PDB file of N, CA and C in Angstrom:
ATOM      1  N   MET A   1      32.657  16.856 -14.770  1.00  0.00           N
ATOM      2  CA  MET A   1      31.223  16.594 -14.760  1.00  0.00           C
ATOM      3  C   MET A   1      30.946  15.121 -14.490  1.00  0.00           C
ATOM      4  N   GLU A   2      31.623  14.239 -15.219  1.00  0.00           N
ATOM      5  CA  GLU A   2      31.406  12.804 -15.036  1.00  0.00           C
ATOM      6  C   GLU A   2      31.899  12.345 -13.670  1.00  0.00           C
ATOM      7  N   PHE A   3      32.974  12.980 -13.169  1.00  0.00           N
ATOM      8  CA  PHE A   3      33.513  12.611 -11.871  1.00  0.00           C
ATOM      9  C   PHE A   3      32.523  12.951 -10.758  1.00  0.00           C
ATOM     10  N   LYS A   4      31.859  14.114 -10.851  1.00  0.00           N
ATOM     11  CA  LYS A   4      30.858  14.495  -9.856  1.00  0.00           C
ATOM     12  C   LYS A   4      29.674  13.541  -9.880  1.00  0.00           C
ATOM     13  N   PHE A   5      29.292  13.136 -11.076  1.00  0.00           N
ATOM     14  CA  PHE A   5      28.190  12.193 -11.223  1.00  0.00           C
ATOM     15  C   PHE A   5      28.533  10.870 -10.559  1.00  0.00           C
ATOM     16  N   LEU A   6      29.760  10.417 -10.742  1.00  0.00           N
ATOM     17  CA  LEU A   6      30.212   9.169 -10.128  1.00  0.00           C
ATOM     18  C   LEU A   6      30.241   9.299  -8.609  1.00  0.00           C
ATOM     19  N   LEU A   7      30.687  10.452  -8.096  1.00  0.00           N
ATOM     20  CA  LEU A   7      30.701  10.671  -6.646  1.00  0.00           C
ATOM     21  C   LEU A   7      29.288  10.653  -6.063  1.00  0.00           C
ATOM     22  N   VAL A   8      28.333  11.220  -6.781  1.00  0.00           N
ATOM     23  CA  VAL A   8      26.950  11.215  -6.317  1.00  0.00           C
ATOM     24  C   VAL A   8      26.416   9.787  -6.239  1.00  0.00           C
ATOM     25  N   ILE A   9      26.701   8.983  -7.244  1.00  0.00           N
ATOM     26  CA  ILE A   9      26.249   7.587  -7.251  1.00  0.00           C
ATOM     27  C   ILE A   9      26.886   6.811  -6.106  1.00  0.00           C
ATOM     28  N   ILE A  10      28.179   6.985  -5.905  1.00  0.00           N
ATOM     29  CA  ILE A  10      28.878   6.271  -4.820  1.00  0.00           C
ATOM     30  C   ILE A  10      28.354   6.735  -3.463  1.00  0.00           C
ATOM     31  N   GLY A  11      28.155   8.039  -3.296  1.00  0.00           N
ATOM     32  CA  GLY A  11      27.632   8.565  -2.032  1.00  0.00           C
ATOM     33  C   GLY A  11      26.224   8.037  -1.742  1.00  0.00           C
ATOM     34  N   ALA A  12      25.359   8.042  -2.745  1.00  0.00           N
ATOM     35  CA  ALA A  12      24.000   7.539  -2.558  1.00  0.00           C
ATOM     36  C   ALA A  12      24.015   6.054  -2.222  1.00  0.00           C
ATOM     37  N   THR A  13      24.911   5.310  -2.855  1.00  0.00           N
ATOM     38  CA  THR A  13      25.027   3.875  -2.578  1.00  0.00           C
ATOM     39  C   THR A  13      25.456   3.634  -1.136  1.00  0.00           C
ATOM     40  N   LEU A  14      26.453   4.370  -0.678  1.00  0.00           N
ATOM     41  CA  LEU A  14      26.940   4.188   0.692  1.00  0.00           C
ATOM     42  C   LEU A  14      25.875   4.558   1.729  1.00  0.00           C
ATOM     43  N   ILE A  15      25.180   5.643   1.505  1.00  0.00           N
ATOM     44  CA  ILE A  15      24.135   6.050   2.445  1.00  0.00           C
ATOM     45  C   ILE A  15      23.003   5.038   2.465  1.00  0.00           C
ATOM     46  N   ASN A  16      22.577   4.594   1.289  1.00  0.00           N
ATOM     47  CA  ASN A  16      21.483   3.625   1.195  1.00  0.00           C
ATOM     48  C   ASN A  16      21.888   2.305   1.853  1.00  0.00           C
ATOM     49  N   TYR A  17      23.088   1.830   1.569  1.00  0.00           N
ATOM     50  CA  TYR A  17      23.558   0.575   2.145  1.00  0.00           C
ATOM     51  C   TYR A  17      23.659   0.682   3.664  1.00  0.00           C
ATOM     52  N   THR A  18      24.198   1.811   4.155  1.00  0.00           N
ATOM     53  CA  THR A  18      24.345   2.003   5.599  1.00  0.00           C
ATOM     54  C   THR A  18      22.985   2.001   6.291  1.00  0.00           C
ATOM     55  N   LEU A  19      22.019   2.703   5.711  1.00  0.00           N
ATOM     56  CA  LEU A  19      20.697   2.761   6.337  1.00  0.00           C
ATOM     57  C   LEU A  19      19.976   1.417   6.314  1.00  0.00           C
ATOM     58  N   ARG A  20      20.304   0.549   5.386  1.00  0.00           N
ATOM     59  CA  ARG A  20      19.673  -0.771   5.340  1.00  0.00           C
ATOM     60  C   ARG A  20      20.376  -1.787   6.235  1.00  0.00           C
ATOM     61  N   VAL A  21      21.681  -1.644   6.404  1.00  0.00           N
ATOM     62  CA  VAL A  21      22.445  -2.609   7.196  1.00  0.00           C
ATOM     63  C   VAL A  21      22.428  -2.256   8.686  1.00  0.00           C
ATOM     64  N   LEU A  22      22.382  -0.977   9.001  1.00  0.00           N
ATOM     65  CA  LEU A  22      22.448  -0.540  10.393  1.00  0.00           C
ATOM     66  C   LEU A  22      21.388  -1.184  11.293  1.00  0.00           C
ATOM     67  N   PRO A  23      20.106  -1.235  10.902  1.00  0.00           N
ATOM     68  CA  PRO A  23      19.125  -1.893  11.776  1.00  0.00           C
ATOM     69  C   PRO A  23      19.414  -3.382  11.983  1.00  0.00           C
ATOM     70  N   VAL A  24      19.932  -4.046  10.977  1.00  0.00           N
ATOM     71  CA  VAL A  24      20.240  -5.474  11.110  1.00  0.00           C
ATOM     72  C   VAL A  24      21.388  -5.674  12.090  1.00  0.00           C
ATOM     73  N   VAL A  25      22.378  -4.809  12.019  1.00  0.00           N
ATOM     74  CA  VAL A  25      23.532  -4.925  12.912  1.00  0.00           C
ATOM     75  C   VAL A  25      23.160  -4.568  14.346  1.00  0.00           C
ATOM     76  N   LEU A  26      22.335  -3.545  14.529  1.00  0.00           N
ATOM     77  CA  LEU A  26      21.995  -3.082  15.871  1.00  0.00           C
ATOM     78  C   LEU A  26      20.888  -3.889  16.534  1.00  0.00           C
ATOM     79  N   HIS A  27      20.178  -4.707  15.782  1.00  0.00           N
ATOM     80  CA  HIS A  27      19.084  -5.509  16.331  1.00  0.00           C
ATOM     81  C   HIS A  27      19.673  -6.677  17.104  1.00  0.00           C
ATOM     82  N   ASN A  28      19.510  -6.652  18.409  1.00  0.00           N
ATOM     83  CA  ASN A  28      20.082  -7.691  19.271  1.00  0.00           C
ATOM     84  C   ASN A  28      19.022  -8.629  19.813  1.00  0.00           C
ATOM     85  N   GLY A  29      18.095  -9.048  18.981  1.00  0.00           N
ATOM     86  CA  GLY A  29      17.060  -9.964  19.423  1.00  0.00           C
ATOM     87  C   GLY A  29      15.946  -9.293  20.199  1.00  0.00           C
ATOM     88  N   LYS A  30      15.921  -7.971  20.207  1.00  0.00           N
ATOM     89  CA  LYS A  30      14.874  -7.248  20.923  1.00  0.00           C
ATOM     90  C   LYS A  30      13.566  -7.345  20.141  1.00  0.00           C
ATOM     91  N   GLN A  31      12.485  -7.455  20.864  1.00  0.00           N
ATOM     92  CA  GLN A  31      11.162  -7.481  20.249  1.00  0.00           C
ATOM     93  C   GLN A  31      10.567  -6.079  20.316  1.00  0.00           C
ATOM     94  N   PRO A  32       9.927  -5.647  19.238  1.00  0.00           N
ATOM     95  CA  PRO A  32       9.300  -4.318  19.296  1.00  0.00           C
ATOM     96  C   PRO A  32       8.122  -4.316  20.266  1.00  0.00           C
ATOM     97  N   GLY A  33       7.790  -3.140  20.745  1.00  0.00           N
ATOM     98  CA  GLY A  33       6.693  -2.993  21.691  1.00  0.00           C
ATOM     99  C   GLY A  33       5.344  -3.274  21.037  1.00  0.00           C
ATOM    100  N   ARG A  34       4.324  -3.352  21.861  1.00  0.00           N
ATOM    101  CA  ARG A  34       2.980  -3.651  21.382  1.00  0.00           C
ATOM    102  C   ARG A  34       2.468  -2.562  20.440  1.00  0.00           C
ATOM    103  N   PHE A  35       2.761  -1.283  20.758  1.00  0.00           N
ATOM    104  CA  PHE A  35       2.325  -0.186  19.906  1.00  0.00           C
ATOM    105  C   PHE A  35       2.976  -0.269  18.527  1.00  0.00           C
ATOM    106  N   VAL A  36       4.276  -0.537  18.497  1.00  0.00           N
ATOM    107  CA  VAL A  36       4.994  -0.622  17.217  1.00  0.00           C
ATOM    108  C   VAL A  36       4.461  -1.778  16.383  1.00  0.00           C
ATOM    109  N   LYS A  37       4.206  -2.911  17.014  1.00  0.00           N
ATOM    110  CA  LYS A  37       3.660  -4.054  16.281  1.00  0.00           C
ATOM    111  C   LYS A  37       2.297  -3.730  15.679  1.00  0.00           C
ATOM    112  N   SER A  38       1.414  -3.106  16.459  1.00  0.00           N
ATOM    113  CA  SER A  38       0.085  -2.789  15.932  1.00  0.00           C
ATOM    114  C   SER A  38       0.180  -1.719  14.848  1.00  0.00           C
ATOM    115  N   PHE A  39       1.101  -0.772  14.993  1.00  0.00           N
ATOM    116  CA  PHE A  39       1.300   0.254  13.966  1.00  0.00           C
ATOM    117  C   PHE A  39       1.758  -0.377  12.657  1.00  0.00           C
ATOM    118  N   LEU A  40       2.691  -1.303  12.726  1.00  0.00           N
ATOM    119  CA  LEU A  40       3.223  -1.946  11.518  1.00  0.00           C
ATOM    120  C   LEU A  40       2.200  -2.858  10.844  1.00  0.00           C
ATOM    121  N   GLU A  41       1.224  -3.348  11.592  1.00  0.00           N
ATOM    122  CA  GLU A  41       0.186  -4.186  10.991  1.00  0.00           C
ATOM    123  C   GLU A  41      -0.707  -3.398  10.039  1.00  0.00           C
ATOM    124  N   TYR A  42      -0.899  -2.105  10.306  1.00  0.00           N
ATOM    125  CA  TYR A  42      -1.807  -1.295   9.501  1.00  0.00           C
ATOM    126  C   TYR A  42      -1.127  -0.566   8.348  1.00  0.00           C
ATOM    127  N   ILE A  43       0.174  -0.611   8.258  1.00  0.00           N
ATOM    128  CA  ILE A  43       0.874   0.107   7.189  1.00  0.00           C
ATOM    129  C   ILE A  43       0.457  -0.372   5.800  1.00  0.00           C
ATOM    130  N   PRO A  44       0.340  -1.678   5.522  1.00  0.00           N
ATOM    131  CA  PRO A  44      -0.062  -2.062   4.164  1.00  0.00           C
ATOM    132  C   PRO A  44      -1.417  -1.493   3.756  1.00  0.00           C
ATOM    133  N   TYR A  45      -2.394  -1.508   4.650  1.00  0.00           N
ATOM    134  CA  TYR A  45      -3.710  -0.972   4.327  1.00  0.00           C
ATOM    135  C   TYR A  45      -3.648   0.540   4.120  1.00  0.00           C
ATOM    136  N   ALA A  46      -2.904   1.232   4.985  1.00  0.00           N
ATOM    137  CA  ALA A  46      -2.813   2.688   4.873  1.00  0.00           C
ATOM    138  C   ALA A  46      -2.077   3.099   3.599  1.00  0.00           C
ATOM    139  N   ALA A  47      -0.988   2.409   3.297  1.00  0.00           N
ATOM    140  CA  ALA A  47      -0.230   2.753   2.090  1.00  0.00           C
ATOM    141  C   ALA A  47      -1.045   2.455   0.841  1.00  0.00           C
ATOM    142  N   LEU A  48      -1.697   1.324   0.814  1.00  0.00           N
ATOM    143  CA  LEU A  48      -2.519   0.973  -0.337  1.00  0.00           C
ATOM    144  C   LEU A  48      -3.655   1.974  -0.513  1.00  0.00           C
ATOM    145  N   GLY A  49      -4.276   2.344   0.568  1.00  0.00           N
ATOM    146  CA  GLY A  49      -5.364   3.325   0.492  1.00  0.00           C
ATOM    147  C   GLY A  49      -4.886   4.682   0.009  1.00  0.00           C
ATOM    148  N   ALA A  50      -3.750   5.140   0.521  1.00  0.00           N
ATOM    149  CA  ALA A  50      -3.239   6.451   0.133  1.00  0.00           C
ATOM    150  C   ALA A  50      -2.796   6.479  -1.326  1.00  0.00           C
ATOM    151  N   LEU A  51      -2.255   5.381  -1.811  1.00  0.00           N
ATOM    152  CA  LEU A  51      -1.788   5.338  -3.195  1.00  0.00           C
ATOM    153  C   LEU A  51      -2.925   5.178  -4.192  1.00  0.00           C
ATOM    154  N   LEU A  52      -3.939   4.424  -3.824  1.00  0.00           N
ATOM    155  CA  LEU A  52      -4.970   4.069  -4.791  1.00  0.00           C
ATOM    156  C   LEU A  52      -6.248   4.896  -4.710  1.00  0.00           C
ATOM    157  N   PHE A  53      -6.522   5.529  -3.582  1.00  0.00           N
ATOM    158  CA  PHE A  53      -7.815   6.178  -3.394  1.00  0.00           C
ATOM    159  C   PHE A  53      -8.162   7.203  -4.473  1.00  0.00           C
ATOM    160  N   PRO A  54      -7.273   8.127  -4.845  1.00  0.00           N
ATOM    161  CA  PRO A  54      -7.660   9.097  -5.878  1.00  0.00           C
ATOM    162  C   PRO A  54      -7.995   8.439  -7.216  1.00  0.00           C
ATOM    163  N   ASP A  55      -7.241   7.427  -7.589  1.00  0.00           N
ATOM    164  CA  ASP A  55      -7.494   6.752  -8.866  1.00  0.00           C
ATOM    165  C   ASP A  55      -8.746   5.890  -8.824  1.00  0.00           C
ATOM    166  N   VAL A  56      -9.076   5.379  -7.657  1.00  0.00           N
ATOM    167  CA  VAL A  56     -10.260   4.527  -7.535  1.00  0.00           C
ATOM    168  C   VAL A  56     -11.525   5.317  -7.848  1.00  0.00           C
ATOM    169  N   LEU A  57     -11.568   6.555  -7.422  1.00  0.00           N
ATOM    170  CA  LEU A  57     -12.772   7.365  -7.641  1.00  0.00           C
ATOM    171  C   LEU A  57     -13.079   7.585  -9.119  1.00  0.00           C
ATOM    172  N   TYR A  58     -12.037   7.654  -9.940  1.00  0.00           N
ATOM    173  CA  TYR A  58     -12.235   7.951 -11.352  1.00  0.00           C
ATOM    174  C   TYR A  58     -11.940   6.751 -12.254  1.00  0.00           C
ATOM    175  N   SER A  59     -11.910   5.556 -11.688  1.00  0.00           N
ATOM    176  CA  SER A  59     -11.550   4.368 -12.467  1.00  0.00           C
ATOM    177  C   SER A  59     -12.694   3.837 -13.320  1.00  0.00           C
ATOM    178  N   THR A  60     -13.920   4.202 -12.981  1.00  0.00           N
ATOM    179  CA  THR A  60     -15.073   3.763 -13.764  1.00  0.00           C
ATOM    180  C   THR A  60     -15.739   4.975 -14.381  1.00  0.00           C
ATOM    181  N   GLY A  61     -16.716   4.735 -15.207  1.00  0.00           N
ATOM    182  CA  GLY A  61     -17.440   5.838 -15.815  1.00  0.00           C
ATOM    183  C   GLY A  61     -18.393   6.533 -14.866  1.00  0.00           C
ATOM    184  N   SER A  62     -18.689   5.905 -13.745  1.00  0.00           N
ATOM    185  CA  SER A  62     -19.658   6.443 -12.798  1.00  0.00           C
ATOM    186  C   SER A  62     -19.022   6.570 -11.415  1.00  0.00           C
ATOM    187  N   MET A  63     -19.156   7.741 -10.830  1.00  0.00           N
ATOM    188  CA  MET A  63     -18.637   7.962  -9.477  1.00  0.00           C
ATOM    189  C   MET A  63     -19.402   7.107  -8.469  1.00  0.00           C
ATOM    190  N   MET A  64     -20.695   6.855  -8.718  1.00  0.00           N
ATOM    191  CA  MET A  64     -21.511   6.060  -7.795  1.00  0.00           C
ATOM    192  C   MET A  64     -20.992   4.621  -7.705  1.00  0.00           C
ATOM    193  N   ILE A  65     -20.624   4.040  -8.836  1.00  0.00           N
ATOM    194  CA  ILE A  65     -20.083   2.673  -8.828  1.00  0.00           C
ATOM    195  C   ILE A  65     -18.768   2.643  -8.059  1.00  0.00           C
ATOM    196  N   SER A  66     -17.953   3.674  -8.231  1.00  0.00           N
ATOM    197  CA  SER A  66     -16.689   3.736  -7.502  1.00  0.00           C
ATOM    198  C   SER A  66     -16.919   3.806  -5.998  1.00  0.00           C
ATOM    199  N   VAL A  67     -17.870   4.601  -5.582  1.00  0.00           N
ATOM    200  CA  VAL A  67     -18.173   4.732  -4.151  1.00  0.00           C
ATOM    201  C   VAL A  67     -18.717   3.416  -3.598  1.00  0.00           C
ATOM    202  N   ILE A  68     -19.562   2.738  -4.358  1.00  0.00           N
ATOM    203  CA  ILE A  68     -20.068   1.424  -3.928  1.00  0.00           C
ATOM    204  C   ILE A  68     -18.908   0.448  -3.775  1.00  0.00           C
ATOM    205  N   GLY A  69     -17.971   0.467  -4.706  1.00  0.00           N
ATOM    206  CA  GLY A  69     -16.788  -0.391  -4.609  1.00  0.00           C
ATOM    207  C   GLY A  69     -15.958  -0.089  -3.380  1.00  0.00           C
ATOM    208  N   ILE A  70     -15.787   1.190  -3.067  1.00  0.00           N
ATOM    209  CA  ILE A  70     -15.029   1.578  -1.873  1.00  0.00           C
ATOM    210  C   ILE A  70     -15.724   1.092  -0.607  1.00  0.00           C
ATOM    211  N   ILE A  71     -17.033   1.252  -0.546  1.00  0.00           N
ATOM    212  CA  ILE A  71     -17.795   0.802   0.631  1.00  0.00           C
ATOM    213  C   ILE A  71     -17.698  -0.718   0.776  1.00  0.00           C
ATOM    214  N   PHE A  72     -17.815  -1.427  -0.344  1.00  0.00           N
ATOM    215  CA  PHE A  72     -17.707  -2.883  -0.318  1.00  0.00           C
ATOM    216  C   PHE A  72     -16.328  -3.324   0.166  1.00  0.00           C
ATOM    217  N   ALA A  73     -15.273  -2.683  -0.351  1.00  0.00           N
ATOM    218  CA  ALA A  73     -13.913  -3.030   0.073  1.00  0.00           C
ATOM    219  C   ALA A  73     -13.713  -2.735   1.554  1.00  0.00           C
ATOM    220  N   ALA A  74     -14.227  -1.603   2.015  1.00  0.00           N
ATOM    221  CA  ALA A  74     -14.090  -1.255   3.433  1.00  0.00           C
ATOM    222  C   ALA A  74     -14.813  -2.269   4.314  1.00  0.00           C
ATOM    223  N   ALA A  75     -15.985  -2.706   3.887  1.00  0.00           N
ATOM    224  CA  ALA A  75     -16.735  -3.703   4.665  1.00  0.00           C
ATOM    225  C   ALA A  75     -15.973  -5.024   4.732  1.00  0.00           C
ATOM    226  N   MET A  76     -15.387  -5.427   3.617  1.00  0.00           N
ATOM    227  CA  MET A  76     -14.618  -6.678   3.624  1.00  0.00           C
ATOM    228  C   MET A  76     -13.378  -6.571   4.511  1.00  0.00           C
ATOM    229  N   ILE A  77     -12.728  -5.415   4.496  1.00  0.00           N
ATOM    230  CA  ILE A  77     -11.560  -5.218   5.358  1.00  0.00           C
ATOM    231  C   ILE A  77     -11.973  -5.256   6.826  1.00  0.00           C
ATOM    232  N   LEU A  78     -13.099  -4.632   7.154  1.00  0.00           N
ATOM    233  CA  LEU A  78     -13.564  -4.650   8.544  1.00  0.00           C
ATOM    234  C   LEU A  78     -13.960  -6.050   9.005  1.00  0.00           C
ATOM    235  N   MET A  79     -14.285  -6.938   8.061  1.00  0.00           N
ATOM    236  CA  MET A  79     -14.594  -8.327   8.400  1.00  0.00           C
ATOM    237  C   MET A  79     -13.337  -9.193   8.397  1.00  0.00           C
ATOM    238  N   ASN A  80     -12.147  -8.542   8.358  1.00  0.00           N
ATOM    239  CA  ASN A  80     -10.847  -9.211   8.417  1.00  0.00           C
ATOM    240  C   ASN A  80     -10.629 -10.205   7.283  1.00  0.00           C
ATOM    241  N   GLN A  81     -11.058  -9.851   6.093  1.00  0.00           N
ATOM    242  CA  GLN A  81     -10.832 -10.706   4.934  1.00  0.00           C
ATOM    243  C   GLN A  81      -9.400 -10.547   4.430  1.00  0.00           C
ATOM    244  N   ASN A  82      -8.943 -11.540   3.706  1.00  0.00           N
ATOM    245  CA  ASN A  82      -7.622 -11.521   3.087  1.00  0.00           C
ATOM    246  C   ASN A  82      -7.567 -10.379   2.066  1.00  0.00           C
ATOM    247  N   MET A  83      -6.406  -9.736   1.942  1.00  0.00           N
ATOM    248  CA  MET A  83      -6.261  -8.601   1.027  1.00  0.00           C
ATOM    249  C   MET A  83      -6.546  -9.004  -0.422  1.00  0.00           C
ATOM    250  N   ILE A  84      -6.143 -10.198  -0.820  1.00  0.00           N
ATOM    251  CA  ILE A  84      -6.391 -10.658  -2.193  1.00  0.00           C
ATOM    252  C   ILE A  84      -7.891 -10.841  -2.410  1.00  0.00           C
ATOM    253  N   ALA A  85      -8.590 -11.363  -1.414  1.00  0.00           N
ATOM    254  CA  ALA A  85     -10.041 -11.527  -1.527  1.00  0.00           C
ATOM    255  C   ALA A  85     -10.736 -10.169  -1.604  1.00  0.00           C
ATOM    256  N   VAL A  86     -10.243  -9.197  -0.862  1.00  0.00           N
ATOM    257  CA  VAL A  86     -10.826  -7.854  -0.897  1.00  0.00           C
ATOM    258  C   VAL A  86     -10.676  -7.247  -2.281  1.00  0.00           C
ATOM    259  N   VAL A  87      -9.470  -7.304  -2.818  1.00  0.00           N
ATOM    260  CA  VAL A  87      -9.213  -6.706  -4.133  1.00  0.00           C
ATOM    261  C   VAL A  87      -9.993  -7.438  -5.220  1.00  0.00           C
ATOM    262  N   ALA A  88      -9.931  -8.773  -5.220  1.00  0.00           N
ATOM    263  CA  ALA A  88     -10.626  -9.541  -6.258  1.00  0.00           C
ATOM    264  C   ALA A  88     -12.142  -9.371  -6.156  1.00  0.00           C
ATOM    265  N   GLY A  89     -12.679  -9.403  -4.952  1.00  0.00           N
ATOM    266  CA  GLY A  89     -14.120  -9.238  -4.776  1.00  0.00           C
ATOM    267  C   GLY A  89     -14.600  -7.860  -5.194  1.00  0.00           C
ATOM    268  N   THR A  90     -13.824  -6.841  -4.879  1.00  0.00           N
ATOM    269  CA  THR A  90     -14.205  -5.480  -5.250  1.00  0.00           C
ATOM    270  C   THR A  90     -14.130  -5.279  -6.754  1.00  0.00           C
ATOM    271  N   ILE A  91     -13.087  -5.800  -7.377  1.00  0.00           N
ATOM    272  CA  ILE A  91     -12.981  -5.694  -8.837  1.00  0.00           C
ATOM    273  C   ILE A  91     -14.160  -6.386  -9.509  1.00  0.00           C
ATOM    274  N   PHE A  92     -14.505  -7.576  -9.024  1.00  0.00           N
ATOM    275  CA  PHE A  92     -15.630  -8.308  -9.598  1.00  0.00           C
ATOM    276  C   PHE A  92     -16.941  -7.540  -9.434  1.00  0.00           C
ATOM    277  N   LEU A  93     -17.189  -7.009  -8.230  1.00  0.00           N
ATOM    278  CA  LEU A  93     -18.417  -6.250  -7.983  1.00  0.00           C
ATOM    279  C   LEU A  93     -18.510  -5.029  -8.900  1.00  0.00           C
ATOM    280  N   VAL A  94     -17.429  -4.271  -9.001  1.00  0.00           N
ATOM    281  CA  VAL A  94     -17.442  -3.070  -9.839  1.00  0.00           C
ATOM    282  C   VAL A  94     -17.625  -3.443 -11.307  1.00  0.00           C
ATOM    283  N   TYR A  95     -17.013  -4.524 -11.730  1.00  0.00           N
ATOM    284  CA  TYR A  95     -17.162  -4.976 -13.114  1.00  0.00           C
ATOM    285  C   TYR A  95     -18.620  -5.338 -13.420  1.00  0.00           C
ATOM    286  N   VAL A  96     -19.234  -6.095 -12.515  1.00  0.00           N
ATOM    287  CA  VAL A  96     -20.636  -6.501 -12.717  1.00  0.00           C
ATOM    288  C   VAL A  96     -21.564  -5.283 -12.698  1.00  0.00           C
ATOM    289  N   LEU A  97     -21.344  -4.374 -11.739  1.00  0.00           N
ATOM    290  CA  LEU A  97     -22.173  -3.162 -11.683  1.00  0.00           C
ATOM    291  C   LEU A  97     -22.006  -2.318 -12.939  1.00  0.00           C
ATOM    292  N   ASP A  98     -20.804  -2.236 -13.455  1.00  0.00           N
ATOM    293  CA  ASP A  98     -20.546  -1.464 -14.652  1.00  0.00           C
ATOM    294  C   ASP A  98     -21.238  -2.075 -15.871  1.00  0.00           C
ATOM    295  N   ILE A  99     -21.274  -3.420 -15.924  1.00  0.00           N
ATOM    296  CA  ILE A  99     -21.960  -4.090 -17.040  1.00  0.00           C
ATOM    297  C   ILE A  99     -23.468  -3.806 -17.002  1.00  0.00           C
ATOM    298  N   PHE A 100     -24.053  -3.895 -15.793  1.00  0.00           N
ATOM    299  CA  PHE A 100     -25.504  -3.736 -15.679  1.00  0.00           C
ATOM    300  C   PHE A 100     -25.975  -2.287 -15.768  1.00  0.00           C
ATOM    301  N   THR A 101     -25.111  -1.338 -15.543  1.00  0.00           N
ATOM    302  CA  THR A 101     -25.539   0.073 -15.606  1.00  0.00           C
ATOM    303  C   THR A 101     -25.301   0.704 -16.974  1.00  0.00           C
ATOM    304  N   THR A 102     -24.577   0.025 -17.846  1.00  0.00           N
ATOM    305  CA  THR A 102     -24.351   0.616 -19.173  1.00  0.00           C
ATOM    306  C   THR A 102     -25.247   0.008 -20.215  1.00  0.00           C
TER     307      THR A 102
END
């Protein structure tokens, strides 16, 4: 039983290490295409949105305040604001709205 567990750990380590080292070894100074570059630029926003969106809707006592926060964050993102400014500004807005509505 313990031997199989050890084999699983060693196998997972080798696969993980190989998948992380292989791109570094095979990368010969090639630049990614324009499509790949633009795709990779949007991954942080898409991942953050997919991870946080369900929780954002129920993070306050009022669904309306949550929706206002989402609209505000989307507007700031469309104006090309820094991600930290978007998050901090949205948190501040939702906090102030929550204080005034309760």
